[in-house]
Structures are given as structure tokens and as C-alpha cells.
Amino acid sequence: MAAYSRDQIVAFENAHSLRLPERLASFLCGHGPGRYGDIEIHQPDQIRDVYTDFFDDPGELFTKWLPFGCNHQTQELWILDISGPSPRFARIWHETVPDDWADEDWRGFAGCADGELDSIGL
């Protein structure tokens, strides 16, 4: 899939009243969403359509949680907690419901060293 332009990133952010973490925005502009082996980085414009039905409170999508990718091999969703001043990242089993995501193993996203993220240049 084609890389996003900065204008497309800004349009998405404005439409959803959020700011993507720079690490993710840079990846989308440099590489674009799509499949990278077992890893998939979602098209931002399709996240709402894919994930809304998972939420008891769909208002948490883009205000608290940002599912931005997944690993098809391990069946883990890649989720950002965007509710605080600095986004936090977790890999969460795909059958875990959003109500339980807060109990997962979270770490800062901006500088986290993660083999899978690093393997695709994210």
C-alpha cells in the first residue's frame, strides 16, 4: 500500500480529533500501511470500520484506544493507549475485549525497543 502524505495524516487526525504518535505517523509516511510478513499495520481510515464492534463503548476508540496493527502469526493486536500525555503500547491477544485492555502489560511507545516493531522499521 502507498505511503501516506503528511496532509493525509493531518486530515485523519483532524477528522478524529486526535494526534497520532510521531513514531506511527513517520512510519505511515515513510512506508505506508499494509502487510510486512506476519505483521500488518492498519490503514488509519479503516480502523473505525474494523474495530467499532469490539467496543461496548465505541467512544473509547480514538479517545482512549488506538488499535494500529497486529501480528497474524501470534494473533496479537497492537494497541496504543492514547488517553494520557504519552502514548503507551501493548500487544494484546486478539480475543481480549477492550474492557480488559487496561490490565495488560503497557510500556511507553515513543522509545520502546520491541523486536517486532523494530523488524519493520517502526
PDB file of N, CA and C in Angstrom:
ATOM      1  N   MET A   1       0.846  -1.170   0.000  1.00  0.00           N
ATOM      2  CA  MET A   1       0.000   0.000   0.000  1.00  0.00           C
ATOM      3  C   MET A   1       0.895   1.238   0.000  1.00  0.00           C
ATOM      4  N   ALA A   2       0.442   2.272  -0.623  1.00  0.00           N
ATOM      5  CA  ALA A   2       1.216   3.506  -0.732  1.00  0.00           C
ATOM      6  C   ALA A   2       1.359   4.198   0.620  1.00  0.00           C
ATOM      7  N   ALA A   3       2.481   4.856   0.770  1.00  0.00           N
ATOM      8  CA  ALA A   3       2.712   5.641   1.985  1.00  0.00           C
ATOM      9  C   ALA A   3       1.722   6.797   2.043  1.00  0.00           C
ATOM     10  N   TYR A   4       1.408   7.205   3.250  1.00  0.00           N
ATOM     11  CA  TYR A   4       0.535   8.350   3.464  1.00  0.00           C
ATOM     12  C   TYR A   4       1.350   9.632   3.327  1.00  0.00           C
ATOM     13  N   SER A   5       0.703  10.677   2.877  1.00  0.00           N
ATOM     14  CA  SER A   5       1.339  12.000   2.876  1.00  0.00           C
ATOM     15  C   SER A   5       1.080  12.649   4.243  1.00  0.00           C
ATOM     16  N   ARG A   6       1.851  13.662   4.577  1.00  0.00           N
ATOM     17  CA  ARG A   6       1.600  14.395   5.833  1.00  0.00           C
ATOM     18  C   ARG A   6       0.198  14.989   5.818  1.00  0.00           C
ATOM     19  N   ASP A   7      -0.257  15.445   4.644  1.00  0.00           N
ATOM     20  CA  ASP A   7      -1.610  16.001   4.548  1.00  0.00           C
ATOM     21  C   ASP A   7      -2.672  14.951   4.882  1.00  0.00           C
ATOM     22  N   GLN A   8      -2.465  13.713   4.457  1.00  0.00           N
ATOM     23  CA  GLN A   8      -3.416  12.647   4.775  1.00  0.00           C
ATOM     24  C   GLN A   8      -3.407  12.341   6.278  1.00  0.00           C
ATOM     25  N   ILE A   9      -2.232  12.370   6.880  1.00  0.00           N
ATOM     26  CA  ILE A   9      -2.130  12.144   8.324  1.00  0.00           C
ATOM     27  C   ILE A   9      -2.881  13.247   9.066  1.00  0.00           C
ATOM     28  N   VAL A  10      -2.649  14.495   8.685  1.00  0.00           N
ATOM     29  CA  VAL A  10      -3.308  15.629   9.338  1.00  0.00           C
ATOM     30  C   VAL A  10      -4.820  15.556   9.141  1.00  0.00           C
ATOM     31  N   ALA A  11      -5.265  15.185   7.955  1.00  0.00           N
ATOM     32  CA  ALA A  11      -6.706  15.063   7.695  1.00  0.00           C
ATOM     33  C   ALA A  11      -7.323  13.989   8.587  1.00  0.00           C
ATOM     34  N   PHE A  12      -6.637  12.848   8.742  1.00  0.00           N
ATOM     35  CA  PHE A  12      -7.128  11.795   9.626  1.00  0.00           C
ATOM     36  C   PHE A  12      -7.180  12.293  11.067  1.00  0.00           C
ATOM     37  N   GLU A  13      -6.123  12.935  11.515  1.00  0.00           N
ATOM     38  CA  GLU A  13      -6.081  13.461  12.882  1.00  0.00           C
ATOM     39  C   GLU A  13      -7.208  14.458  13.127  1.00  0.00           C
ATOM     40  N   ASN A  14      -7.420  15.348  12.188  1.00  0.00           N
ATOM     41  CA  ASN A  14      -8.480  16.344  12.341  1.00  0.00           C
ATOM     42  C   ASN A  14      -9.870  15.702  12.345  1.00  0.00           C
ATOM     43  N   ALA A  15     -10.063  14.708  11.486  1.00  0.00           N
ATOM     44  CA  ALA A  15     -11.368  14.040  11.403  1.00  0.00           C
ATOM     45  C   ALA A  15     -11.707  13.283  12.687  1.00  0.00           C
ATOM     46  N   HIS A  16     -10.677  12.838  13.408  1.00  0.00           N
ATOM     47  CA  HIS A  16     -10.904  12.016  14.601  1.00  0.00           C
ATOM     48  C   HIS A  16     -10.466  12.706  15.893  1.00  0.00           C
ATOM     49  N   SER A  17     -10.138  13.980  15.776  1.00  0.00           N
ATOM     50  CA  SER A  17      -9.752  14.787  16.947  1.00  0.00           C
ATOM     51  C   SER A  17      -8.672  14.110  17.787  1.00  0.00           C
ATOM     52  N   LEU A  18      -7.619  13.680  17.135  1.00  0.00           N
ATOM     53  CA  LEU A  18      -6.502  13.056  17.833  1.00  0.00           C
ATOM     54  C   LEU A  18      -5.200  13.409  17.138  1.00  0.00           C
ATOM     55  N   ARG A  19      -4.127  13.102  17.806  1.00  0.00           N
ATOM     56  CA  ARG A  19      -2.790  13.286  17.225  1.00  0.00           C
ATOM     57  C   ARG A  19      -2.107  11.934  17.253  1.00  0.00           C
ATOM     58  N   LEU A  20      -1.728  11.425  16.077  1.00  0.00           N
ATOM     59  CA  LEU A  20      -1.002  10.164  16.025  1.00  0.00           C
ATOM     60  C   LEU A  20       0.380  10.344  16.642  1.00  0.00           C
ATOM     61  N   PRO A  21       0.859   9.359  17.369  1.00  0.00           N
ATOM     62  CA  PRO A  21       2.237   9.442  17.857  1.00  0.00           C
ATOM     63  C   PRO A  21       3.195   9.612  16.676  1.00  0.00           C
ATOM     64  N   GLU A  22       4.199  10.428  16.849  1.00  0.00           N
ATOM     65  CA  GLU A  22       5.125  10.723  15.749  1.00  0.00           C
ATOM     66  C   GLU A  22       5.749   9.457  15.181  1.00  0.00           C
ATOM     67  N   ARG A  23       6.043   8.507  16.042  1.00  0.00           N
ATOM     68  CA  ARG A  23       6.643   7.252  15.585  1.00  0.00           C
ATOM     69  C   ARG A  23       5.737   6.556  14.568  1.00  0.00           C
ATOM     70  N   LEU A  24       4.449   6.503  14.828  1.00  0.00           N
ATOM     71  CA  LEU A  24       3.499   5.867  13.918  1.00  0.00           C
ATOM     72  C   LEU A  24       3.280   6.723  12.676  1.00  0.00           C
ATOM     73  N   ALA A  25       3.119   8.027  12.848  1.00  0.00           N
ATOM     74  CA  ALA A  25       2.912   8.923  11.697  1.00  0.00           C
ATOM     75  C   ALA A  25       4.102   8.860  10.740  1.00  0.00           C
ATOM     76  N   SER A  26       5.303   8.845  11.279  1.00  0.00           N
ATOM     77  CA  SER A  26       6.504   8.766  10.437  1.00  0.00           C
ATOM     78  C   SER A  26       6.556   7.455   9.669  1.00  0.00           C
ATOM     79  N   PHE A  27       6.181   6.364  10.337  1.00  0.00           N
ATOM     80  CA  PHE A  27       6.160   5.069   9.651  1.00  0.00           C
ATOM     81  C   PHE A  27       5.154   5.092   8.507  1.00  0.00           C
ATOM     82  N   LEU A  28       3.964   5.599   8.759  1.00  0.00           N
ATOM     83  CA  LEU A  28       2.939   5.652   7.719  1.00  0.00           C
ATOM     84  C   LEU A  28       3.372   6.508   6.541  1.00  0.00           C
ATOM     85  N   CYS A  29       4.102   7.585   6.815  1.00  0.00           N
ATOM     86  CA  CYS A  29       4.590   8.454   5.739  1.00  0.00           C
ATOM     87  C   CYS A  29       5.787   7.833   5.001  1.00  0.00           C
ATOM     88  N   GLY A  30       6.607   7.095   5.719  1.00  0.00           N
ATOM     89  CA  GLY A  30       7.798   6.515   5.110  1.00  0.00           C
ATOM     90  C   GLY A  30       7.575   5.183   4.434  1.00  0.00           C
ATOM     91  N   HIS A  31       6.660   4.380   4.971  1.00  0.00           N
ATOM     92  CA  HIS A  31       6.457   3.023   4.471  1.00  0.00           C
ATOM     93  C   HIS A  31       5.028   2.765   4.020  1.00  0.00           C
ATOM     94  N   GLY A  32       4.078   3.311   4.753  1.00  0.00           N
ATOM     95  CA  GLY A  32       2.671   3.072   4.456  1.00  0.00           C
ATOM     96  C   GLY A  32       2.124   1.889   5.213  1.00  0.00           C
ATOM     97  N   PRO A  33       0.802   1.814   5.329  1.00  0.00           N
ATOM     98  CA  PRO A  33       0.170   0.673   5.977  1.00  0.00           C
ATOM     99  C   PRO A  33       0.269  -0.560   5.086  1.00  0.00           C
ATOM    100  N   GLY A  34      -0.035  -1.712   5.655  1.00  0.00           N
ATOM    101  CA  GLY A  34      -0.049  -2.936   4.864  1.00  0.00           C
ATOM    102  C   GLY A  34       0.593  -4.089   5.599  1.00  0.00           C
ATOM    103  N   ARG A  35       0.788  -5.182   4.858  1.00  0.00           N
ATOM    104  CA  ARG A  35       1.391  -6.398   5.412  1.00  0.00           C
ATOM    105  C   ARG A  35       2.896  -6.338   5.270  1.00  0.00           C
ATOM    106  N   TYR A  36       3.566  -6.723   6.334  1.00  0.00           N
ATOM    107  CA  TYR A  36       5.020  -6.845   6.384  1.00  0.00           C
ATOM    108  C   TYR A  36       5.298  -8.222   6.970  1.00  0.00           C
ATOM    109  N   GLY A  37       5.227  -9.241   6.140  1.00  0.00           N
ATOM    110  CA  GLY A  37       5.314 -10.613   6.633  1.00  0.00           C
ATOM    111  C   GLY A  37       4.063 -10.926   7.438  1.00  0.00           C
ATOM    112  N   ASP A  38       4.256 -11.358   8.690  1.00  0.00           N
ATOM    113  CA  ASP A  38       3.124 -11.680   9.562  1.00  0.00           C
ATOM    114  C   ASP A  38       2.499 -10.435  10.182  1.00  0.00           C
ATOM    115  N   ILE A  39       3.174  -9.320  10.055  1.00  0.00           N
ATOM    116  CA  ILE A  39       2.738  -8.079  10.702  1.00  0.00           C
ATOM    117  C   ILE A  39       1.907  -7.244   9.738  1.00  0.00           C
ATOM    118  N   GLU A  40       0.848  -6.662  10.256  1.00  0.00           N
ATOM    119  CA  GLU A  40       0.015  -5.758   9.467  1.00  0.00           C
ATOM    120  C   GLU A  40      -0.142  -4.443  10.222  1.00  0.00           C
ATOM    121  N   ILE A  41       0.129  -3.353   9.530  1.00  0.00           N
ATOM    122  CA  ILE A  41      -0.144  -2.019  10.055  1.00  0.00           C
ATOM    123  C   ILE A  41      -1.402  -1.539   9.340  1.00  0.00           C
ATOM    124  N   HIS A  42      -2.419  -1.216  10.119  1.00  0.00           N
ATOM    125  CA  HIS A  42      -3.722  -0.874   9.552  1.00  0.00           C
ATOM    126  C   HIS A  42      -3.715   0.486   8.861  1.00  0.00           C
ATOM    127  N   GLN A  43      -4.561   0.594   7.850  1.00  0.00           N
ATOM    128  CA  GLN A  43      -4.844   1.892   7.253  1.00  0.00           C
ATOM    129  C   GLN A  43      -5.632   2.688   8.283  1.00  0.00           C
ATOM    130  N   PRO A  44      -5.172   3.849   8.680  1.00  0.00           N
ATOM    131  CA  PRO A  44      -5.897   4.619   9.695  1.00  0.00           C
ATOM    132  C   PRO A  44      -7.367   4.834   9.359  1.00  0.00           C
ATOM    133  N   ASP A  45      -7.662   5.058   8.090  1.00  0.00           N
ATOM    134  CA  ASP A  45      -9.043   5.325   7.695  1.00  0.00           C
ATOM    135  C   ASP A  45      -9.956   4.105   7.837  1.00  0.00           C
ATOM    136  N   GLN A  46      -9.401   2.921   8.023  1.00  0.00           N
ATOM    137  CA  GLN A  46     -10.216   1.714   8.139  1.00  0.00           C
ATOM    138  C   GLN A  46     -10.339   1.204   9.577  1.00  0.00           C
ATOM    139  N   ILE A  47      -9.620   1.817  10.505  1.00  0.00           N
ATOM    140  CA  ILE A  47      -9.625   1.336  11.890  1.00  0.00           C
ATOM    141  C   ILE A  47     -11.023   1.367  12.492  1.00  0.00           C
ATOM    142  N   ARG A  48     -11.748   2.446  12.297  1.00  0.00           N
ATOM    143  CA  ARG A  48     -13.097   2.552  12.876  1.00  0.00           C
ATOM    144  C   ARG A  48     -13.995   1.418  12.371  1.00  0.00           C
ATOM    145  N   ASP A  49     -13.975   1.163  11.064  1.00  0.00           N
ATOM    146  CA  ASP A  49     -14.832   0.113  10.493  1.00  0.00           C
ATOM    147  C   ASP A  49     -14.470  -1.269  11.036  1.00  0.00           C
ATOM    148  N   VAL A  50     -13.192  -1.523  11.248  1.00  0.00           N
ATOM    149  CA  VAL A  50     -12.741  -2.837  11.706  1.00  0.00           C
ATOM    150  C   VAL A  50     -13.021  -3.045  13.189  1.00  0.00           C
ATOM    151  N   TYR A  51     -12.842  -2.026  14.016  1.00  0.00           N
ATOM    152  CA  TYR A  51     -12.830  -2.225  15.467  1.00  0.00           C
ATOM    153  C   TYR A  51     -14.061  -1.738  16.234  1.00  0.00           C
ATOM    154  N   THR A  52     -14.910  -0.934  15.654  1.00  0.00           N
ATOM    155  CA  THR A  52     -16.044  -0.379  16.401  1.00  0.00           C
ATOM    156  C   THR A  52     -16.869  -1.448  17.102  1.00  0.00           C
ATOM    157  N   ASP A  53     -17.141  -2.555  16.438  1.00  0.00           N
ATOM    158  CA  ASP A  53     -17.999  -3.592  17.015  1.00  0.00           C
ATOM    159  C   ASP A  53     -17.368  -4.309  18.210  1.00  0.00           C
ATOM    160  N   PHE A  54     -16.073  -4.162  18.428  1.00  0.00           N
ATOM    161  CA  PHE A  54     -15.406  -4.790  19.569  1.00  0.00           C
ATOM    162  C   PHE A  54     -15.683  -4.048  20.875  1.00  0.00           C
ATOM    163  N   PHE A  55     -16.145  -2.822  20.781  1.00  0.00           N
ATOM    164  CA  PHE A  55     -16.277  -1.952  21.949  1.00  0.00           C
ATOM    165  C   PHE A  55     -17.700  -1.896  22.474  1.00  0.00           C
ATOM    166  N   ASP A  56     -17.851  -2.049  23.800  1.00  0.00           N
ATOM    167  CA  ASP A  56     -19.142  -1.757  24.433  1.00  0.00           C
ATOM    168  C   ASP A  56     -19.410  -0.260  24.345  1.00  0.00           C
ATOM    169  N   ASP A  57     -18.340   0.533  24.458  1.00  0.00           N
ATOM    170  CA  ASP A  57     -18.421   1.985  24.330  1.00  0.00           C
ATOM    171  C   ASP A  57     -17.544   2.416  23.161  1.00  0.00           C
ATOM    172  N   PRO A  58     -18.106   2.499  21.937  1.00  0.00           N
ATOM    173  CA  PRO A  58     -17.313   2.863  20.770  1.00  0.00           C
ATOM    174  C   PRO A  58     -16.641   4.233  20.885  1.00  0.00           C
ATOM    175  N   GLY A  59     -17.098   5.051  21.831  1.00  0.00           N
ATOM    176  CA  GLY A  59     -16.469   6.351  22.044  1.00  0.00           C
ATOM    177  C   GLY A  59     -15.046   6.245  22.547  1.00  0.00           C
ATOM    178  N   GLU A  60     -14.648   5.081  23.053  1.00  0.00           N
ATOM    179  CA  GLU A  60     -13.269   4.889  23.514  1.00  0.00           C
ATOM    180  C   GLU A  60     -12.285   4.730  22.362  1.00  0.00           C
ATOM    181  N   LEU A  61     -12.802   4.355  21.196  1.00  0.00           N
ATOM    182  CA  LEU A  61     -11.958   4.239  20.009  1.00  0.00           C
ATOM    183  C   LEU A  61     -11.561   5.640  19.561  1.00  0.00           C
ATOM    184  N   PHE A  62     -10.285   5.882  19.468  1.00  0.00           N
ATOM    185  CA  PHE A  62      -9.672   7.170  19.108  1.00  0.00           C
ATOM    186  C   PHE A  62      -9.640   8.186  20.243  1.00  0.00           C
ATOM    187  N   THR A  63     -10.218   7.870  21.395  1.00  0.00           N
ATOM    188  CA  THR A  63     -10.073   8.764  22.545  1.00  0.00           C
ATOM    189  C   THR A  63      -9.201   8.110  23.615  1.00  0.00           C
ATOM    190  N   LYS A  64      -9.367   6.820  23.796  1.00  0.00           N
ATOM    191  CA  LYS A  64      -8.550   6.076  24.751  1.00  0.00           C
ATOM    192  C   LYS A  64      -7.660   5.061  24.040  1.00  0.00           C
ATOM    193  N   TRP A  65      -8.232   4.336  23.106  1.00  0.00           N
ATOM    194  CA  TRP A  65      -7.525   3.244  22.447  1.00  0.00           C
ATOM    195  C   TRP A  65      -7.347   3.496  20.955  1.00  0.00           C
ATOM    196  N   LEU A  66      -6.181   3.098  20.458  1.00  0.00           N
ATOM    197  CA  LEU A  66      -5.904   3.165  19.016  1.00  0.00           C
ATOM    198  C   LEU A  66      -5.273   1.846  18.588  1.00  0.00           C
ATOM    199  N   PRO A  67      -6.089   0.910  18.092  1.00  0.00           N
ATOM    200  CA  PRO A  67      -5.523  -0.325  17.551  1.00  0.00           C
ATOM    201  C   PRO A  67      -4.924  -0.023  16.178  1.00  0.00           C
ATOM    202  N   PHE A  68      -3.612  -0.170  16.048  1.00  0.00           N
ATOM    203  CA  PHE A  68      -2.974   0.275  14.807  1.00  0.00           C
ATOM    204  C   PHE A  68      -2.368  -0.845  13.985  1.00  0.00           C
ATOM    205  N   GLY A  69      -2.354  -2.050  14.521  1.00  0.00           N
ATOM    206  CA  GLY A  69      -1.773  -3.149  13.764  1.00  0.00           C
ATOM    207  C   GLY A  69      -1.965  -4.463  14.473  1.00  0.00           C
ATOM    208  N   CYS A  70      -1.363  -5.509  13.899  1.00  0.00           N
ATOM    209  CA  CYS A  70      -1.469  -6.829  14.504  1.00  0.00           C
ATOM    210  C   CYS A  70      -0.373  -7.729  13.966  1.00  0.00           C
ATOM    211  N   ASN A  71      -0.194  -8.844  14.649  1.00  0.00           N
ATOM    212  CA  ASN A  71       0.692  -9.899  14.190  1.00  0.00           C
ATOM    213  C   ASN A  71      -0.204 -11.099  13.913  1.00  0.00           C
ATOM    214  N   HIS A  72      -0.297 -11.486  12.664  1.00  0.00           N
ATOM    215  CA  HIS A  72      -1.190 -12.578  12.281  1.00  0.00           C
ATOM    216  C   HIS A  72      -0.691 -13.923  12.808  1.00  0.00           C
ATOM    217  N   GLN A  73       0.608 -14.083  12.956  1.00  0.00           N
ATOM    218  CA  GLN A  73       1.162 -15.342  13.456  1.00  0.00           C
ATOM    219  C   GLN A  73       0.835 -15.556  14.932  1.00  0.00           C
ATOM    220  N   THR A  74       1.077 -14.546  15.756  1.00  0.00           N
ATOM    221  CA  THR A  74       0.840 -14.666  17.200  1.00  0.00           C
ATOM    222  C   THR A  74      -0.586 -14.318  17.595  1.00  0.00           C
ATOM    223  N   GLN A  75      -1.358 -13.783  16.669  1.00  0.00           N
ATOM    224  CA  GLN A  75      -2.741 -13.366  16.880  1.00  0.00           C
ATOM    225  C   GLN A  75      -2.852 -12.291  17.959  1.00  0.00           C
ATOM    226  N   GLU A  76      -1.885 -11.387  17.954  1.00  0.00           N
ATOM    227  CA  GLU A  76      -1.897 -10.263  18.886  1.00  0.00           C
ATOM    228  C   GLU A  76      -2.257  -8.982  18.152  1.00  0.00           C
ATOM    229  N   LEU A  77      -3.092  -8.180  18.804  1.00  0.00           N
ATOM    230  CA  LEU A  77      -3.400  -6.840  18.314  1.00  0.00           C
ATOM    231  C   LEU A  77      -2.353  -5.888  18.867  1.00  0.00           C
ATOM    232  N   TRP A  78      -1.995  -4.887  18.121  1.00  0.00           N
ATOM    233  CA  TRP A  78      -1.073  -3.855  18.580  1.00  0.00           C
ATOM    234  C   TRP A  78      -1.909  -2.630  18.900  1.00  0.00           C
ATOM    235  N   ILE A  79      -1.920  -2.277  20.177  1.00  0.00           N
ATOM    236  CA  ILE A  79      -2.819  -1.248  20.682  1.00  0.00           C
ATOM    237  C   ILE A  79      -2.007  -0.123  21.306  1.00  0.00           C
ATOM    238  N   LEU A  80      -2.449   1.108  21.072  1.00  0.00           N
ATOM    239  CA  LEU A  80      -1.907   2.261  21.777  1.00  0.00           C
ATOM    240  C   LEU A  80      -2.961   2.781  22.736  1.00  0.00           C
ATOM    241  N   ASP A  81      -2.524   3.055  23.949  1.00  0.00           N
ATOM    242  CA  ASP A  81      -3.353   3.776  24.913  1.00  0.00           C
ATOM    243  C   ASP A  81      -2.997   5.245  24.714  1.00  0.00           C
ATOM    244  N   ILE A  82      -3.905   5.996  24.139  1.00  0.00           N
ATOM    245  CA  ILE A  82      -3.643   7.405  23.805  1.00  0.00           C
ATOM    246  C   ILE A  82      -4.355   8.352  24.764  1.00  0.00           C
ATOM    247  N   SER A  83      -4.786   7.833  25.908  1.00  0.00           N
ATOM    248  CA  SER A  83      -5.553   8.657  26.836  1.00  0.00           C
ATOM    249  C   SER A  83      -4.689   9.576  27.688  1.00  0.00           C
ATOM    250  N   GLY A  84      -3.411   9.292  27.810  1.00  0.00           N
ATOM    251  CA  GLY A  84      -2.523  10.106  28.640  1.00  0.00           C
ATOM    252  C   GLY A  84      -1.651  11.017  27.802  1.00  0.00           C
ATOM    253  N   PRO A  85      -0.756  11.726  28.454  1.00  0.00           N
ATOM    254  CA  PRO A  85       0.104  12.662  27.728  1.00  0.00           C
ATOM    255  C   PRO A  85       1.107  11.978  26.809  1.00  0.00           C
ATOM    256  N   SER A  86       1.508  10.748  27.140  1.00  0.00           N
ATOM    257  CA  SER A  86       2.438   9.986  26.297  1.00  0.00           C
ATOM    258  C   SER A  86       1.814   8.637  25.969  1.00  0.00           C
ATOM    259  N   PRO A  87       1.725   8.302  24.680  1.00  0.00           N
ATOM    260  CA  PRO A  87       1.104   7.031  24.300  1.00  0.00           C
ATOM    261  C   PRO A  87       1.852   5.839  24.881  1.00  0.00           C
ATOM    262  N   ARG A  88       1.080   4.823  25.244  1.00  0.00           N
ATOM    263  CA  ARG A  88       1.645   3.568  25.727  1.00  0.00           C
ATOM    264  C   ARG A  88       1.244   2.459  24.761  1.00  0.00           C
ATOM    265  N   PHE A  89       2.107   1.461  24.650  1.00  0.00           N
ATOM    266  CA  PHE A  89       1.951   0.384  23.676  1.00  0.00           C
ATOM    267  C   PHE A  89       1.810  -0.961  24.377  1.00  0.00           C
ATOM    268  N   ALA A  90       0.929  -1.823  23.841  1.00  0.00           N
ATOM    269  CA  ALA A  90       0.821  -3.202  24.301  1.00  0.00           C
ATOM    270  C   ALA A  90       0.450  -4.104  23.132  1.00  0.00           C
ATOM    271  N   ARG A  91       0.936  -5.328  23.220  1.00  0.00           N
ATOM    272  CA  ARG A  91       0.495  -6.387  22.310  1.00  0.00           C
ATOM    273  C   ARG A  91      -0.527  -7.210  23.094  1.00  0.00           C
ATOM    274  N   ILE A  92      -1.730  -7.339  22.544  1.00  0.00           N
ATOM    275  CA  ILE A  92      -2.841  -7.922  23.291  1.00  0.00           C
ATOM    276  C   ILE A  92      -3.468  -9.055  22.474  1.00  0.00           C
ATOM    277  N   TRP A  93      -3.660 -10.193  23.126  1.00  0.00           N
ATOM    278  CA  TRP A  93      -4.300 -11.348  22.493  1.00  0.00           C
ATOM    279  C   TRP A  93      -5.611 -10.915  21.846  1.00  0.00           C
ATOM    280  N   HIS A  94      -5.863 -11.377  20.641  1.00  0.00           N
ATOM    281  CA  HIS A  94      -6.994 -10.884  19.844  1.00  0.00           C
ATOM    282  C   HIS A  94      -8.364 -11.163  20.463  1.00  0.00           C
ATOM    283  N   GLU A  95      -8.469 -12.100  21.384  1.00  0.00           N
ATOM    284  CA  GLU A  95      -9.771 -12.383  22.000  1.00  0.00           C
ATOM    285  C   GLU A  95     -10.008 -11.579  23.278  1.00  0.00           C
ATOM    286  N   THR A  96      -9.034 -10.775  23.683  1.00  0.00           N
ATOM    287  CA  THR A  96      -9.193  -9.942  24.870  1.00  0.00           C
ATOM    288  C   THR A  96     -10.069  -8.751  24.517  1.00  0.00           C
ATOM    289  N   VAL A  97     -11.109  -8.528  25.289  1.00  0.00           N
ATOM    290  CA  VAL A  97     -12.043  -7.439  24.998  1.00  0.00           C
ATOM    291  C   VAL A  97     -11.478  -6.100  25.493  1.00  0.00           C
ATOM    292  N   PRO A  98     -11.842  -5.004  24.840  1.00  0.00           N
ATOM    293  CA  PRO A  98     -11.321  -3.690  25.238  1.00  0.00           C
ATOM    294  C   PRO A  98     -11.516  -3.356  26.715  1.00  0.00           C
ATOM    295  N   ASP A  99     -12.581  -3.853  27.337  1.00  0.00           N
ATOM    296  CA  ASP A  99     -12.786  -3.583  28.766  1.00  0.00           C
ATOM    297  C   ASP A  99     -11.641  -4.114  29.618  1.00  0.00           C
ATOM    298  N   ASP A 100     -10.905  -5.114  29.114  1.00  0.00           N
ATOM    299  CA  ASP A 100      -9.796  -5.714  29.861  1.00  0.00           C
ATOM    300  C   ASP A 100      -8.420  -5.217  29.412  1.00  0.00           C
ATOM    301  N   TRP A 101      -8.369  -4.367  28.404  1.00  0.00           N
ATOM    302  CA  TRP A 101      -7.075  -3.921  27.879  1.00  0.00           C
ATOM    303  C   TRP A 101      -6.241  -3.174  28.920  1.00  0.00           C
ATOM    304  N   ALA A 102      -6.880  -2.433  29.808  1.00  0.00           N
ATOM    305  CA  ALA A 102      -6.128  -1.649  30.795  1.00  0.00           C
ATOM    306  C   ALA A 102      -5.266  -2.529  31.693  1.00  0.00           C
ATOM    307  N   ASP A 103      -5.605  -3.805  31.837  1.00  0.00           N
ATOM    308  CA  ASP A 103      -4.865  -4.724  32.693  1.00  0.00           C
ATOM    309  C   ASP A 103      -3.648  -5.340  32.003  1.00  0.00           C
ATOM    310  N   GLU A 104      -3.405  -4.999  30.767  1.00  0.00           N
ATOM    311  CA  GLU A 104      -2.303  -5.588  30.001  1.00  0.00           C
ATOM    312  C   GLU A 104      -0.958  -4.959  30.370  1.00  0.00           C
ATOM    313  N   ASP A 105       0.105  -5.495  29.783  1.00  0.00           N
ATOM    314  CA  ASP A 105       1.468  -5.037  30.034  1.00  0.00           C
ATOM    315  C   ASP A 105       1.775  -3.858  29.099  1.00  0.00           C
ATOM    316  N   TRP A 106       1.709  -2.650  29.631  1.00  0.00           N
ATOM    317  CA  TRP A 106       1.881  -1.430  28.846  1.00  0.00           C
ATOM    318  C   TRP A 106       3.276  -0.868  29.039  1.00  0.00           C
ATOM    319  N   ARG A 107       3.802  -0.263  27.986  1.00  0.00           N
ATOM    320  CA  ARG A 107       5.084   0.441  28.060  1.00  0.00           C
ATOM    321  C   ARG A 107       5.036   1.649  27.136  1.00  0.00           C
ATOM    322  N   GLY A 108       5.909   2.606  27.413  1.00  0.00           N
ATOM    323  CA  GLY A 108       5.946   3.803  26.582  1.00  0.00           C
ATOM    324  C   GLY A 108       6.198   3.441  25.130  1.00  0.00           C
ATOM    325  N   PHE A 109       5.567   4.156  24.224  1.00  0.00           N
ATOM    326  CA  PHE A 109       5.674   3.839  22.795  1.00  0.00           C
ATOM    327  C   PHE A 109       6.810   4.583  22.110  1.00  0.00           C
ATOM    328  N   ALA A 110       7.041   5.826  22.482  1.00  0.00           N
ATOM    329  CA  ALA A 110       7.985   6.671  21.744  1.00  0.00           C
ATOM    330  C   ALA A 110       9.365   6.038  21.641  1.00  0.00           C
ATOM    331  N   GLY A 111       9.888   5.518  22.722  1.00  0.00           N
ATOM    332  CA  GLY A 111      11.248   4.989  22.684  1.00  0.00           C
ATOM    333  C   GLY A 111      11.346   3.515  22.975  1.00  0.00           C
ATOM    334  N   CYS A 112      10.225   2.801  22.939  1.00  0.00           N
ATOM    335  CA  CYS A 112      10.302   1.396  23.331  1.00  0.00           C
ATOM    336  C   CYS A 112      11.055   0.589  22.290  1.00  0.00           C
ATOM    337  N   ALA A 113      11.923  -0.267  22.788  1.00  0.00           N
ATOM    338  CA  ALA A 113      12.620  -1.213  21.920  1.00  0.00           C
ATOM    339  C   ALA A 113      11.764  -2.469  21.875  1.00  0.00           C
ATOM    340  N   ASP A 114      11.326  -2.827  20.717  1.00  0.00           N
ATOM    341  CA  ASP A 114      10.482  -4.002  20.550  1.00  0.00           C
ATOM    342  C   ASP A 114      10.909  -4.684  19.264  1.00  0.00           C
ATOM    343  N   GLY A 115      11.292  -5.941  19.357  1.00  0.00           N
ATOM    344  CA  GLY A 115      11.812  -6.659  18.207  1.00  0.00           C
ATOM    345  C   GLY A 115      10.895  -6.641  16.998  1.00  0.00           C
ATOM    346  N   GLU A 116       9.609  -6.825  17.223  1.00  0.00           N
ATOM    347  CA  GLU A 116       8.677  -6.845  16.093  1.00  0.00           C
ATOM    348  C   GLU A 116       8.520  -5.465  15.485  1.00  0.00           C
ATOM    349  N   LEU A 117       8.380  -4.437  16.318  1.00  0.00           N
ATOM    350  CA  LEU A 117       8.291  -3.068  15.789  1.00  0.00           C
ATOM    351  C   LEU A 117       9.563  -2.726  15.021  1.00  0.00           C
ATOM    352  N   ASP A 118      10.698  -3.036  15.643  1.00  0.00           N
ATOM    353  CA  ASP A 118      11.984  -2.732  15.009  1.00  0.00           C
ATOM    354  C   ASP A 118      12.173  -3.472  13.703  1.00  0.00           C
ATOM    355  N   SER A 119      11.643  -4.705  13.607  1.00  0.00           N
ATOM    356  CA  SER A 119      11.857  -5.528  12.420  1.00  0.00           C
ATOM    357  C   SER A 119      11.238  -4.924  11.164  1.00  0.00           C
ATOM    358  N   ILE A 120      10.229  -4.063  11.328  1.00  0.00           N
ATOM    359  CA  ILE A 120       9.615  -3.444  10.152  1.00  0.00           C
ATOM    360  C   ILE A 120       9.967  -1.953  10.062  1.00  0.00           C
ATOM    361  N   GLY A 121      10.851  -1.505  10.948  1.00  0.00           N
ATOM    362  CA  GLY A 121      11.278  -0.101  10.903  1.00  0.00           C
ATOM    363  C   GLY A 121      10.348   0.850  11.606  1.00  0.00           C
ATOM    364  N   LEU A 122       9.521   0.341  12.516  1.00  0.00           N
ATOM    365  CA  LEU A 122       8.580   1.214  13.236  1.00  0.00           C
ATOM    366  C   LEU A 122       9.153   1.639  14.556  1.00  0.00           C
TER     367      LEU A 122
END
